[in-house]
Amino acid sequence: MWTRQYRKSPLRHFVIPCIAAASLAYFGFHGITGNLGLTSKAEYEQRLAGLEAELQSLSTARAMLETRTAALSDGSLQRDVIDEQARLALGLANPNELILLHNASESAATLDDLLQRTN
């Protein structure tokens, strides 16, 4: 039986530590700069603060709209006031209604003066 002896390389002691160091560097780099890393935490906190401010403004607007809606409930106002507010908000009118446009800079005119101008 033949026996061959190979001379062992002096670099064999560095292979496993080099692989371990490379994998540690890879995971360390991505742990700091990745999507869920340490540097992205500040970006998430900044985005969270902006979204919380937007939520606060939307909550305020919703509360204002809820109070306006509660004021238009059937028990607090008459039907003609509700109808007037709905027409004002939607910009609608019946075909048989007369619409009078009023400019705040002009002096107030009487109804007869406005009717004479349209004729």
PDB file of N, CA and C in Angstrom:
ATOM      1  N   MET A   1       0.822  -1.142   0.000  1.00  0.00           N
ATOM      2  CA  MET A   1       0.000   0.000   0.000  1.00  0.00           C
ATOM      3  C   MET A   1       0.892   1.239   0.000  1.00  0.00           C
ATOM      4  N   TRP A   2       0.524   2.134  -0.825  1.00  0.00           N
ATOM      5  CA  TRP A   2       1.304   3.353  -0.957  1.00  0.00           C
ATOM      6  C   TRP A   2       0.776   4.433  -0.006  1.00  0.00           C
ATOM      7  N   THR A   3       1.635   5.141   0.555  1.00  0.00           N
ATOM      8  CA  THR A   3       1.274   6.223   1.451  1.00  0.00           C
ATOM      9  C   THR A   3       1.894   7.505   0.915  1.00  0.00           C
ATOM     10  N   ARG A   4       1.050   8.466   0.781  1.00  0.00           N
ATOM     11  CA  ARG A   4       1.554   9.775   0.354  1.00  0.00           C
ATOM     12  C   ARG A   4       1.365  10.757   1.500  1.00  0.00           C
ATOM     13  N   GLN A   5       2.313  11.515   1.704  1.00  0.00           N
ATOM     14  CA  GLN A   5       2.229  12.521   2.742  1.00  0.00           C
ATOM     15  C   GLN A   5       2.263  13.892   2.090  1.00  0.00           C
ATOM     16  N   TYR A   6       1.312  14.696   2.465  1.00  0.00           N
ATOM     17  CA  TYR A   6       1.248  16.052   1.943  1.00  0.00           C
ATOM     18  C   TYR A   6       1.698  17.016   3.030  1.00  0.00           C
ATOM     19  N   ARG A   7       2.321  18.032   2.586  1.00  0.00           N
ATOM     20  CA  ARG A   7       2.742  19.043   3.530  1.00  0.00           C
ATOM     21  C   ARG A   7       1.557  19.966   3.795  1.00  0.00           C
ATOM     22  N   LYS A   8       1.216  20.183   5.054  1.00  0.00           N
ATOM     23  CA  LYS A   8       0.066  20.996   5.414  1.00  0.00           C
ATOM     24  C   LYS A   8       0.417  22.466   5.252  1.00  0.00           C
ATOM     25  N   SER A   9      -0.530  23.203   4.696  1.00  0.00           N
ATOM     26  CA  SER A   9      -0.329  24.620   4.422  1.00  0.00           C
ATOM     27  C   SER A   9      -0.406  25.423   5.729  1.00  0.00           C
ATOM     28  N   PRO A  10       0.432  26.442   5.868  1.00  0.00           N
ATOM     29  CA  PRO A  10       0.350  27.265   7.082  1.00  0.00           C
ATOM     30  C   PRO A  10      -0.897  28.178   7.071  1.00  0.00           C
ATOM     31  N   LEU A  11      -1.549  28.335   5.910  1.00  0.00           N
ATOM     32  CA  LEU A  11      -2.749  29.177   5.814  1.00  0.00           C
ATOM     33  C   LEU A  11      -4.014  28.476   6.305  1.00  0.00           C
ATOM     34  N   ARG A  12      -3.935  27.166   6.584  1.00  0.00           N
ATOM     35  CA  ARG A  12      -5.130  26.424   6.990  1.00  0.00           C
ATOM     36  C   ARG A  12      -5.647  26.891   8.332  1.00  0.00           C
ATOM     37  N   HIS A  13      -4.798  27.514   9.138  1.00  0.00           N
ATOM     38  CA  HIS A  13      -5.235  28.011  10.436  1.00  0.00           C
ATOM     39  C   HIS A  13      -6.020  29.326  10.310  1.00  0.00           C
ATOM     40  N   PHE A  14      -5.952  29.941   9.142  1.00  0.00           N
ATOM     41  CA  PHE A  14      -6.628  31.238   8.944  1.00  0.00           C
ATOM     42  C   PHE A  14      -7.953  31.134   8.192  1.00  0.00           C
ATOM     43  N   VAL A  15      -8.284  29.979   7.664  1.00  0.00           N
ATOM     44  CA  VAL A  15      -9.483  29.839   6.846  1.00  0.00           C
ATOM     45  C   VAL A  15     -10.755  30.033   7.686  1.00  0.00           C
ATOM     46  N   ILE A  16     -10.900  29.307   8.749  1.00  0.00           N
ATOM     47  CA  ILE A  16     -12.116  29.404   9.568  1.00  0.00           C
ATOM     48  C   ILE A  16     -12.231  30.775  10.232  1.00  0.00           C
ATOM     49  N   PRO A  17     -11.172  31.347  10.811  1.00  0.00           N
ATOM     50  CA  PRO A  17     -11.321  32.701  11.363  1.00  0.00           C
ATOM     51  C   PRO A  17     -11.638  33.756  10.313  1.00  0.00           C
ATOM     52  N   CYS A  18     -11.128  33.612   9.089  1.00  0.00           N
ATOM     53  CA  CYS A  18     -11.451  34.571   8.022  1.00  0.00           C
ATOM     54  C   CYS A  18     -12.914  34.466   7.619  1.00  0.00           C
ATOM     55  N   ILE A  19     -13.451  33.250   7.519  1.00  0.00           N
ATOM     56  CA  ILE A  19     -14.863  33.071   7.186  1.00  0.00           C
ATOM     57  C   ILE A  19     -15.733  33.634   8.307  1.00  0.00           C
ATOM     58  N   ALA A  20     -15.353  33.400   9.544  1.00  0.00           N
ATOM     59  CA  ALA A  20     -16.115  33.919  10.685  1.00  0.00           C
ATOM     60  C   ALA A  20     -16.069  35.448  10.714  1.00  0.00           C
ATOM     61  N   ALA A  21     -14.921  36.032  10.443  1.00  0.00           N
ATOM     62  CA  ALA A  21     -14.801  37.494  10.449  1.00  0.00           C
ATOM     63  C   ALA A  21     -15.607  38.113   9.310  1.00  0.00           C
ATOM     64  N   ALA A  22     -15.597  37.463   8.138  1.00  0.00           N
ATOM     65  CA  ALA A  22     -16.358  37.984   7.001  1.00  0.00           C
ATOM     66  C   ALA A  22     -17.858  37.929   7.282  1.00  0.00           C
ATOM     67  N   SER A  23     -18.343  36.823   7.845  1.00  0.00           N
ATOM     68  CA  SER A  23     -19.769  36.731   8.147  1.00  0.00           C
ATOM     69  C   SER A  23     -20.165  37.704   9.265  1.00  0.00           C
ATOM     70  N   LEU A  24     -19.291  37.887  10.250  1.00  0.00           N
ATOM     71  CA  LEU A  24     -19.565  38.863  11.308  1.00  0.00           C
ATOM     72  C   LEU A  24     -19.615  40.278  10.746  1.00  0.00           C
ATOM     73  N   ALA A  25     -18.712  40.610   9.834  1.00  0.00           N
ATOM     74  CA  ALA A  25     -18.720  41.936   9.212  1.00  0.00           C
ATOM     75  C   ALA A  25     -19.977  42.131   8.365  1.00  0.00           C
ATOM     76  N   TYR A  26     -20.395  41.097   7.627  1.00  0.00           N
ATOM     77  CA  TYR A  26     -21.592  41.188   6.795  1.00  0.00           C
ATOM     78  C   TYR A  26     -22.826  41.454   7.641  1.00  0.00           C
ATOM     79  N   PHE A  27     -23.042  40.619   8.645  1.00  0.00           N
ATOM     80  CA  PHE A  27     -24.236  40.784   9.481  1.00  0.00           C
ATOM     81  C   PHE A  27     -24.162  42.048  10.331  1.00  0.00           C
ATOM     82  N   GLY A  28     -22.974  42.451  10.745  1.00  0.00           N
ATOM     83  CA  GLY A  28     -22.830  43.694  11.498  1.00  0.00           C
ATOM     84  C   GLY A  28     -23.159  44.910  10.646  1.00  0.00           C
ATOM     85  N   PHE A  29     -22.690  44.920   9.405  1.00  0.00           N
ATOM     86  CA  PHE A  29     -22.978  46.027   8.493  1.00  0.00           C
ATOM     87  C   PHE A  29     -24.471  46.160   8.249  1.00  0.00           C
ATOM     88  N   HIS A  30     -25.125  45.040   7.962  1.00  0.00           N
ATOM     89  CA  HIS A  30     -26.565  45.094   7.692  1.00  0.00           C
ATOM     90  C   HIS A  30     -27.382  45.324   8.966  1.00  0.00           C
ATOM     91  N   GLY A  31     -26.829  44.964  10.112  1.00  0.00           N
ATOM     92  CA  GLY A  31     -27.515  45.252  11.370  1.00  0.00           C
ATOM     93  C   GLY A  31     -27.509  46.736  11.686  1.00  0.00           C
ATOM     94  N   ILE A  32     -26.542  47.454  11.183  1.00  0.00           N
ATOM     95  CA  ILE A  32     -26.459  48.891  11.438  1.00  0.00           C
ATOM     96  C   ILE A  32     -27.159  49.688  10.340  1.00  0.00           C
ATOM     97  N   THR A  33     -26.938  49.329   9.081  1.00  0.00           N
ATOM     98  CA  THR A  33     -27.445  50.143   7.972  1.00  0.00           C
ATOM     99  C   THR A  33     -28.626  49.533   7.228  1.00  0.00           C
ATOM    100  N   GLY A  34     -29.123  48.395   7.620  1.00  0.00           N
ATOM    101  CA  GLY A  34     -30.216  47.744   6.891  1.00  0.00           C
ATOM    102  C   GLY A  34     -31.563  48.402   7.138  1.00  0.00           C
ATOM    103  N   ASN A  35     -32.603  47.824   6.545  1.00  0.00           N
ATOM    104  CA  ASN A  35     -33.959  48.358   6.686  1.00  0.00           C
ATOM    105  C   ASN A  35     -34.431  48.351   8.138  1.00  0.00           C
ATOM    106  N   LEU A  36     -34.022  47.371   8.890  1.00  0.00           N
ATOM    107  CA  LEU A  36     -34.403  47.277  10.302  1.00  0.00           C
ATOM    108  C   LEU A  36     -33.207  47.552  11.203  1.00  0.00           C
ATOM    109  N   GLY A  37     -32.220  48.265  10.699  1.00  0.00           N
ATOM    110  CA  GLY A  37     -30.999  48.535  11.447  1.00  0.00           C
ATOM    111  C   GLY A  37     -31.128  49.730  12.362  1.00  0.00           C
ATOM    112  N   LEU A  38     -29.998  50.076  12.968  1.00  0.00           N
ATOM    113  CA  LEU A  38     -29.985  51.160  13.947  1.00  0.00           C
ATOM    114  C   LEU A  38     -30.178  52.527  13.313  1.00  0.00           C
ATOM    115  N   THR A  39     -29.638  52.749  12.124  1.00  0.00           N
ATOM    116  CA  THR A  39     -29.779  54.078  11.501  1.00  0.00           C
ATOM    117  C   THR A  39     -31.188  54.321  10.978  1.00  0.00           C
ATOM    118  N   SER A  40     -31.904  53.272  10.629  1.00  0.00           N
ATOM    119  CA  SER A  40     -33.267  53.470  10.136  1.00  0.00           C
ATOM    120  C   SER A  40     -34.248  53.753  11.274  1.00  0.00           C
ATOM    121  N   LYS A  41     -33.834  53.510  12.507  1.00  0.00           N
ATOM    122  CA  LYS A  41     -34.713  53.789  13.640  1.00  0.00           C
ATOM    123  C   LYS A  41     -35.036  55.280  13.719  1.00  0.00           C
ATOM    124  N   ALA A  42     -34.059  56.133  13.478  1.00  0.00           N
ATOM    125  CA  ALA A  42     -34.299  57.580  13.508  1.00  0.00           C
ATOM    126  C   ALA A  42     -35.263  57.997  12.402  1.00  0.00           C
ATOM    127  N   GLU A  43     -35.130  57.395  11.226  1.00  0.00           N
ATOM    128  CA  GLU A  43     -36.046  57.706  10.126  1.00  0.00           C
ATOM    129  C   GLU A  43     -37.479  57.284  10.468  1.00  0.00           C
ATOM    130  N   TYR A  44     -37.626  56.107  11.080  1.00  0.00           N
ATOM    131  CA  TYR A  44     -38.952  55.649  11.474  1.00  0.00           C
ATOM    132  C   TYR A  44     -39.556  56.549  12.546  1.00  0.00           C
ATOM    133  N   GLU A  45     -38.744  56.998  13.490  1.00  0.00           N
ATOM    134  CA  GLU A  45     -39.259  57.879  14.535  1.00  0.00           C
ATOM    135  C   GLU A  45     -39.680  59.228  13.960  1.00  0.00           C
ATOM    136  N   GLN A  46     -38.919  59.742  12.999  1.00  0.00           N
ATOM    137  CA  GLN A  46     -39.272  61.007  12.361  1.00  0.00           C
ATOM    138  C   GLN A  46     -40.573  60.854  11.565  1.00  0.00           C
ATOM    139  N   ARG A  47     -40.708  59.771  10.852  1.00  0.00           N
ATOM    140  CA  ARG A  47     -41.933  59.517  10.087  1.00  0.00           C
ATOM    141  C   ARG A  47     -43.129  59.338  11.029  1.00  0.00           C
ATOM    142  N   LEU A  48     -42.903  58.661  12.161  1.00  0.00           N
ATOM    143  CA  LEU A  48     -43.960  58.468  13.145  1.00  0.00           C
ATOM    144  C   LEU A  48     -44.414  59.797  13.723  1.00  0.00           C
ATOM    145  N   ALA A  49     -43.473  60.703  13.993  1.00  0.00           N
ATOM    146  CA  ALA A  49     -43.847  62.023  14.524  1.00  0.00           C
ATOM    147  C   ALA A  49     -44.679  62.795  13.505  1.00  0.00           C
ATOM    148  N   GLY A  50     -44.316  62.719  12.221  1.00  0.00           N
ATOM    149  CA  GLY A  50     -45.100  63.386  11.181  1.00  0.00           C
ATOM    150  C   GLY A  50     -46.498  62.806  11.054  1.00  0.00           C
ATOM    151  N   LEU A  51     -46.606  61.490  11.125  1.00  0.00           N
ATOM    152  CA  LEU A  51     -47.921  60.853  11.021  1.00  0.00           C
ATOM    153  C   LEU A  51     -48.779  61.146  12.244  1.00  0.00           C
ATOM    154  N   GLU A  52     -48.164  61.260  13.413  1.00  0.00           N
ATOM    155  CA  GLU A  52     -48.936  61.606  14.610  1.00  0.00           C
ATOM    156  C   GLU A  52     -49.454  63.042  14.526  1.00  0.00           C
ATOM    157  N   ALA A  53     -48.654  63.947  13.963  1.00  0.00           N
ATOM    158  CA  ALA A  53     -49.124  65.327  13.776  1.00  0.00           C
ATOM    159  C   ALA A  53     -50.275  65.365  12.782  1.00  0.00           C
ATOM    160  N   GLU A  54     -50.173  64.580  11.723  1.00  0.00           N
ATOM    161  CA  GLU A  54     -51.261  64.518  10.744  1.00  0.00           C
ATOM    162  C   GLU A  54     -52.519  63.918  11.368  1.00  0.00           C
ATOM    163  N   LEU A  55     -52.338  62.900  12.207  1.00  0.00           N
ATOM    164  CA  LEU A  55     -53.482  62.303  12.899  1.00  0.00           C
ATOM    165  C   LEU A  55     -54.155  63.314  13.816  1.00  0.00           C
ATOM    166  N   GLN A  56     -53.358  64.113  14.495  1.00  0.00           N
ATOM    167  CA  GLN A  56     -53.926  65.124  15.390  1.00  0.00           C
ATOM    168  C   GLN A  56     -54.740  66.156  14.609  1.00  0.00           C
ATOM    169  N   SER A  57     -54.203  66.614  13.463  1.00  0.00           N
ATOM    170  CA  SER A  57     -54.941  67.596  12.665  1.00  0.00           C
ATOM    171  C   SER A  57     -56.222  66.989  12.086  1.00  0.00           C
ATOM    172  N   LEU A  58     -56.156  65.739  11.654  1.00  0.00           N
ATOM    173  CA  LEU A  58     -57.352  65.080  11.130  1.00  0.00           C
ATOM    174  C   LEU A  58     -58.384  64.845  12.233  1.00  0.00           C
ATOM    175  N   SER A  59     -57.926  64.538  13.439  1.00  0.00           N
ATOM    176  CA  SER A  59     -58.854  64.356  14.557  1.00  0.00           C
ATOM    177  C   SER A  59     -59.548  65.668  14.890  1.00  0.00           C
ATOM    178  N   THR A  60     -58.807  66.766  14.830  1.00  0.00           N
ATOM    179  CA  THR A  60     -59.406  68.077  15.084  1.00  0.00           C
ATOM    180  C   THR A  60     -60.441  68.413  14.016  1.00  0.00           C
ATOM    181  N   ALA A  61     -60.103  68.151  12.764  1.00  0.00           N
ATOM    182  CA  ALA A  61     -61.044  68.419  11.670  1.00  0.00           C
ATOM    183  C   ALA A  61     -62.279  67.539  11.796  1.00  0.00           C
ATOM    184  N   ARG A  62     -62.085  66.291  12.190  1.00  0.00           N
ATOM    185  CA  ARG A  62     -63.234  65.394  12.343  1.00  0.00           C
ATOM    186  C   ARG A  62     -64.131  65.863  13.483  1.00  0.00           C
ATOM    187  N   ALA A  63     -63.539  66.301  14.587  1.00  0.00           N
ATOM    188  CA  ALA A  63     -64.342  66.792  15.703  1.00  0.00           C
ATOM    189  C   ALA A  63     -65.154  68.016  15.293  1.00  0.00           C
ATOM    190  N   MET A  64     -64.540  68.900  14.487  1.00  0.00           N
ATOM    191  CA  MET A  64     -65.260  70.082  14.008  1.00  0.00           C
ATOM    192  C   MET A  64     -66.420  69.666  13.108  1.00  0.00           C
ATOM    193  N   LEU A  65     -66.192  68.712  12.212  1.00  0.00           N
ATOM    194  CA  LEU A  65     -67.263  68.244  11.335  1.00  0.00           C
ATOM    195  C   LEU A  65     -68.365  67.538  12.119  1.00  0.00           C
ATOM    196  N   GLU A  66     -67.991  66.814  13.168  1.00  0.00           N
ATOM    197  CA  GLU A  66     -69.007  66.153  13.981  1.00  0.00           C
ATOM    198  C   GLU A  66     -69.882  67.162  14.709  1.00  0.00           C
ATOM    199  N   THR A  67     -69.271  68.255  15.186  1.00  0.00           N
ATOM    200  CA  THR A  67     -70.087  69.275  15.856  1.00  0.00           C
ATOM    201  C   THR A  67     -71.000  69.980  14.860  1.00  0.00           C
ATOM    202  N   ARG A  68     -70.506  70.222  13.640  1.00  0.00           N
ATOM    203  CA  ARG A  68     -71.365  70.840  12.623  1.00  0.00           C
ATOM    204  C   ARG A  68     -72.494  69.902  12.230  1.00  0.00           C
ATOM    205  N   THR A  69     -72.212  68.614  12.154  1.00  0.00           N
ATOM    206  CA  THR A  69     -73.237  67.641  11.807  1.00  0.00           C
ATOM    207  C   THR A  69     -74.268  67.522  12.927  1.00  0.00           C
ATOM    208  N   ALA A  70     -73.789  67.566  14.166  1.00  0.00           N
ATOM    209  CA  ALA A  70     -74.724  67.493  15.294  1.00  0.00           C
ATOM    210  C   ALA A  70     -75.629  68.716  15.329  1.00  0.00           C
ATOM    211  N   ALA A  71     -75.116  69.865  14.890  1.00  0.00           N
ATOM    212  CA  ALA A  71     -75.939  71.070  14.865  1.00  0.00           C
ATOM    213  C   ALA A  71     -77.033  70.983  13.805  1.00  0.00           C
ATOM    214  N   LEU A  72     -76.842  70.149  12.798  1.00  0.00           N
ATOM    215  CA  LEU A  72     -77.843  70.001  11.737  1.00  0.00           C
ATOM    216  C   LEU A  72     -78.795  68.836  11.987  1.00  0.00           C
ATOM    217  N   SER A  73     -78.788  68.318  13.196  1.00  0.00           N
ATOM    218  CA  SER A  73     -79.680  67.195  13.476  1.00  0.00           C
ATOM    219  C   SER A  73     -81.135  67.675  13.452  1.00  0.00           C
ATOM    220  N   ASP A  74     -82.042  66.729  13.343  1.00  0.00           N
ATOM    221  CA  ASP A  74     -83.457  67.051  13.171  1.00  0.00           C
ATOM    222  C   ASP A  74     -84.043  67.746  14.393  1.00  0.00           C
ATOM    223  N   GLY A  75     -83.536  67.462  15.574  1.00  0.00           N
ATOM    224  CA  GLY A  75     -84.115  68.039  16.772  1.00  0.00           C
ATOM    225  C   GLY A  75     -83.693  69.476  17.019  1.00  0.00           C
ATOM    226  N   SER A  76     -82.565  69.912  16.466  1.00  0.00           N
ATOM    227  CA  SER A  76     -82.067  71.241  16.808  1.00  0.00           C
ATOM    228  C   SER A  76     -82.455  72.310  15.793  1.00  0.00           C
ATOM    229  N   LEU A  77     -82.677  71.958  14.536  1.00  0.00           N
ATOM    230  CA  LEU A  77     -82.999  72.953  13.516  1.00  0.00           C
ATOM    231  C   LEU A  77     -84.278  72.581  12.776  1.00  0.00           C
ATOM    232  N   GLN A  78     -84.806  73.566  12.109  1.00  0.00           N
ATOM    233  CA  GLN A  78     -85.977  73.323  11.294  1.00  0.00           C
ATOM    234  C   GLN A  78     -85.538  72.834   9.919  1.00  0.00           C
ATOM    235  N   ARG A  79     -86.474  72.298   9.183  1.00  0.00           N
ATOM    236  CA  ARG A  79     -86.153  71.714   7.876  1.00  0.00           C
ATOM    237  C   ARG A  79     -85.669  72.746   6.867  1.00  0.00           C
ATOM    238  N   ASP A  80     -86.185  73.952   6.917  1.00  0.00           N
ATOM    239  CA  ASP A  80     -85.775  74.955   5.937  1.00  0.00           C
ATOM    240  C   ASP A  80     -84.329  75.400   6.177  1.00  0.00           C
ATOM    241  N   VAL A  81     -83.896  75.416   7.429  1.00  0.00           N
ATOM    242  CA  VAL A  81     -82.507  75.775   7.712  1.00  0.00           C
ATOM    243  C   VAL A  81     -81.577  74.671   7.232  1.00  0.00           C
ATOM    244  N   ILE A  82     -81.975  73.429   7.440  1.00  0.00           N
ATOM    245  CA  ILE A  82     -81.177  72.299   6.951  1.00  0.00           C
ATOM    246  C   ILE A  82     -81.106  72.333   5.432  1.00  0.00           C
ATOM    247  N   ASP A  83     -82.228  72.623   4.794  1.00  0.00           N
ATOM    248  CA  ASP A  83     -82.270  72.718   3.339  1.00  0.00           C
ATOM    249  C   ASP A  83     -81.365  73.844   2.848  1.00  0.00           C
ATOM    250  N   GLU A  84     -81.395  74.962   3.519  1.00  0.00           N
ATOM    251  CA  GLU A  84     -80.554  76.102   3.132  1.00  0.00           C
ATOM    252  C   GLU A  84     -79.063  75.765   3.265  1.00  0.00           C
ATOM    253  N   GLN A  85     -78.698  75.115   4.356  1.00  0.00           N
ATOM    254  CA  GLN A  85     -77.295  74.754   4.555  1.00  0.00           C
ATOM    255  C   GLN A  85     -76.833  73.713   3.527  1.00  0.00           C
ATOM    256  N   ALA A  86     -77.706  72.775   3.196  1.00  0.00           N
ATOM    257  CA  ALA A  86     -77.356  71.762   2.201  1.00  0.00           C
ATOM    258  C   ALA A  86     -77.175  72.385   0.829  1.00  0.00           C
ATOM    259  N   ARG A  87     -78.055  73.308   0.463  1.00  0.00           N
ATOM    260  CA  ARG A  87     -77.929  73.985  -0.842  1.00  0.00           C
ATOM    261  C   ARG A  87     -76.669  74.841  -0.891  1.00  0.00           C
ATOM    262  N   LEU A  88     -76.348  75.488   0.223  1.00  0.00           N
ATOM    263  CA  LEU A  88     -75.144  76.306   0.270  1.00  0.00           C
ATOM    264  C   LEU A  88     -73.895  75.445   0.139  1.00  0.00           C
ATOM    265  N   ALA A  89     -73.875  74.304   0.792  1.00  0.00           N
ATOM    266  CA  ALA A  89     -72.710  73.426   0.755  1.00  0.00           C
ATOM    267  C   ALA A  89     -72.543  72.769  -0.608  1.00  0.00           C
ATOM    268  N   LEU A  90     -73.662  72.375  -1.228  1.00  0.00           N
ATOM    269  CA  LEU A  90     -73.596  71.662  -2.496  1.00  0.00           C
ATOM    270  C   LEU A  90     -73.626  72.585  -3.705  1.00  0.00           C
ATOM    271  N   GLY A  91     -74.079  73.814  -3.507  1.00  0.00           N
ATOM    272  CA  GLY A  91     -74.160  74.747  -4.621  1.00  0.00           C
ATOM    273  C   GLY A  91     -75.297  74.434  -5.571  1.00  0.00           C
ATOM    274  N   LEU A  92     -76.408  73.952  -5.056  1.00  0.00           N
ATOM    275  CA  LEU A  92     -77.550  73.584  -5.890  1.00  0.00           C
ATOM    276  C   LEU A  92     -78.717  74.535  -5.649  1.00  0.00           C
ATOM    277  N   ALA A  93     -79.603  74.634  -6.638  1.00  0.00           N
ATOM    278  CA  ALA A  93     -80.814  75.441  -6.511  1.00  0.00           C
ATOM    279  C   ALA A  93     -81.884  74.843  -7.411  1.00  0.00           C
ATOM    280  N   ASN A  94     -83.127  75.094  -7.055  1.00  0.00           N
ATOM    281  CA  ASN A  94     -84.240  74.662  -7.892  1.00  0.00           C
ATOM    282  C   ASN A  94     -84.355  75.599  -9.088  1.00  0.00           C
ATOM    283  N   PRO A  95     -84.910  75.120 -10.205  1.00  0.00           N
ATOM    284  CA  PRO A  95     -85.030  75.975 -11.392  1.00  0.00           C
ATOM    285  C   PRO A  95     -85.948  77.175 -11.201  1.00  0.00           C
ATOM    286  N   ASN A  96     -86.899  77.083 -10.286  1.00  0.00           N
ATOM    287  CA  ASN A  96     -87.837  78.188 -10.114  1.00  0.00           C
ATOM    288  C   ASN A  96     -87.392  79.168  -9.020  1.00  0.00           C
ATOM    289  N   GLU A  97     -86.185  79.067  -8.522  1.00  0.00           N
ATOM    290  CA  GLU A  97     -85.705  79.967  -7.476  1.00  0.00           C
ATOM    291  C   GLU A  97     -84.929  81.127  -8.083  1.00  0.00           C
ATOM    292  N   LEU A  98     -84.980  82.245  -7.429  1.00  0.00           N
ATOM    293  CA  LEU A  98     -84.243  83.434  -7.840  1.00  0.00           C
ATOM    294  C   LEU A  98     -82.968  83.502  -7.011  1.00  0.00           C
ATOM    295  N   ILE A  99     -81.825  83.607  -7.676  1.00  0.00           N
ATOM    296  CA  ILE A  99     -80.540  83.659  -6.984  1.00  0.00           C
ATOM    297  C   ILE A  99     -80.026  85.080  -7.057  1.00  0.00           C
ATOM    298  N   LEU A 100     -79.746  85.655  -5.903  1.00  0.00           N
ATOM    299  CA  LEU A 100     -79.230  87.013  -5.815  1.00  0.00           C
ATOM    300  C   LEU A 100     -77.782  86.952  -5.367  1.00  0.00           C
ATOM    301  N   LEU A 101     -76.890  87.456  -6.188  1.00  0.00           N
ATOM    302  CA  LEU A 101     -75.478  87.494  -5.841  1.00  0.00           C
ATOM    303  C   LEU A 101     -75.187  88.821  -5.155  1.00  0.00           C
ATOM    304  N   HIS A 102     -74.461  88.750  -4.078  1.00  0.00           N
ATOM    305  CA  HIS A 102     -74.193  89.940  -3.283  1.00  0.00           C
ATOM    306  C   HIS A 102     -72.689  90.135  -3.180  1.00  0.00           C
ATOM    307  N   ASN A 103     -72.218  91.313  -3.532  1.00  0.00           N
ATOM    308  CA  ASN A 103     -70.811  91.655  -3.398  1.00  0.00           C
ATOM    309  C   ASN A 103     -70.658  92.453  -2.114  1.00  0.00           C
ATOM    310  N   ALA A 104     -69.773  92.040  -1.241  1.00  0.00           N
ATOM    311  CA  ALA A 104     -69.640  92.672   0.069  1.00  0.00           C
ATOM    312  C   ALA A 104     -69.079  94.088  -0.038  1.00  0.00           C
ATOM    313  N   SER A 105     -68.355  94.416  -1.103  1.00  0.00           N
ATOM    314  CA  SER A 105     -67.770  95.748  -1.222  1.00  0.00           C
ATOM    315  C   SER A 105     -68.809  96.801  -1.618  1.00  0.00           C
ATOM    316  N   GLU A 106     -69.859  96.394  -2.314  1.00  0.00           N
ATOM    317  CA  GLU A 106     -70.904  97.336  -2.705  1.00  0.00           C
ATOM    318  C   GLU A 106     -71.830  97.602  -1.526  1.00  0.00           C
ATOM    319  N   SER A 107     -72.480  98.732  -1.573  1.00  0.00           N
ATOM    320  CA  SER A 107     -73.449  99.032  -0.514  1.00  0.00           C
ATOM    321  C   SER A 107     -74.666  98.146  -0.708  1.00  0.00           C
ATOM    322  N   ALA A 108     -75.351  97.898   0.373  1.00  0.00           N
ATOM    323  CA  ALA A 108     -76.519  97.032   0.310  1.00  0.00           C
ATOM    324  C   ALA A 108     -77.632  97.731  -0.461  1.00  0.00           C
ATOM    325  N   ALA A 109     -78.199  97.005  -1.402  1.00  0.00           N
ATOM    326  CA  ALA A 109     -79.278  97.571  -2.207  1.00  0.00           C
ATOM    327  C   ALA A 109     -80.586  96.916  -1.806  1.00  0.00           C
ATOM    328  N   THR A 110     -81.654  97.580  -2.119  1.00  0.00           N
ATOM    329  CA  THR A 110     -82.962  97.010  -1.806  1.00  0.00           C
ATOM    330  C   THR A 110     -83.315  95.957  -2.837  1.00  0.00           C
ATOM    331  N   LEU A 111     -84.287  95.170  -2.528  1.00  0.00           N
ATOM    332  CA  LEU A 111     -84.721  94.104  -3.423  1.00  0.00           C
ATOM    333  C   LEU A 111     -85.259  94.669  -4.733  1.00  0.00           C
ATOM    334  N   ASP A 112     -85.931  95.815  -4.689  1.00  0.00           N
ATOM    335  CA  ASP A 112     -86.464  96.428  -5.913  1.00  0.00           C
ATOM    336  C   ASP A 112     -85.334  96.859  -6.847  1.00  0.00           C
ATOM    337  N   ASP A 113     -84.257  97.423  -6.287  1.00  0.00           N
ATOM    338  CA  ASP A 113     -83.112  97.823  -7.119  1.00  0.00           C
ATOM    339  C   ASP A 113     -82.483  96.618  -7.803  1.00  0.00           C
ATOM    340  N   LEU A 114     -82.351  95.494  -7.080  1.00  0.00           N
ATOM    341  CA  LEU A 114     -81.759  94.303  -7.657  1.00  0.00           C
ATOM    342  C   LEU A 114     -82.639  93.721  -8.741  1.00  0.00           C
ATOM    343  N   LEU A 115     -83.957  93.771  -8.550  1.00  0.00           N
ATOM    344  CA  LEU A 115     -84.856  93.240  -9.567  1.00  0.00           C
ATOM    345  C   LEU A 115     -84.853  94.108 -10.804  1.00  0.00           C
ATOM    346  N   GLN A 116     -84.734  95.427 -10.662  1.00  0.00           N
ATOM    347  CA  GLN A 116     -84.682  96.311 -11.813  1.00  0.00           C
ATOM    348  C   GLN A 116     -83.389  96.110 -12.617  1.00  0.00           C
ATOM    349  N   ARG A 117     -82.294  95.787 -11.960  1.00  0.00           N
ATOM    350  CA  ARG A 117     -81.033  95.547 -12.663  1.00  0.00           C
ATOM    351  C   ARG A 117     -81.112  94.294 -13.521  1.00  0.00           C
ATOM    352  N   THR A 118     -81.820  93.270 -13.047  1.00  0.00           N
ATOM    353  CA  THR A 118     -81.920  92.024 -13.819  1.00  0.00           C
ATOM    354  C   THR A 118     -82.826  92.177 -15.022  1.00  0.00           C
ATOM    355  N   ASN A 119     -83.780  93.119 -14.994  1.00  0.00           N
ATOM    356  CA  ASN A 119     -84.720  93.292 -16.106  1.00  0.00           C
ATOM    357  C   ASN A 119     -84.135  94.140 -17.136  1.00  0.00           C
TER     358      ASN A 119
END
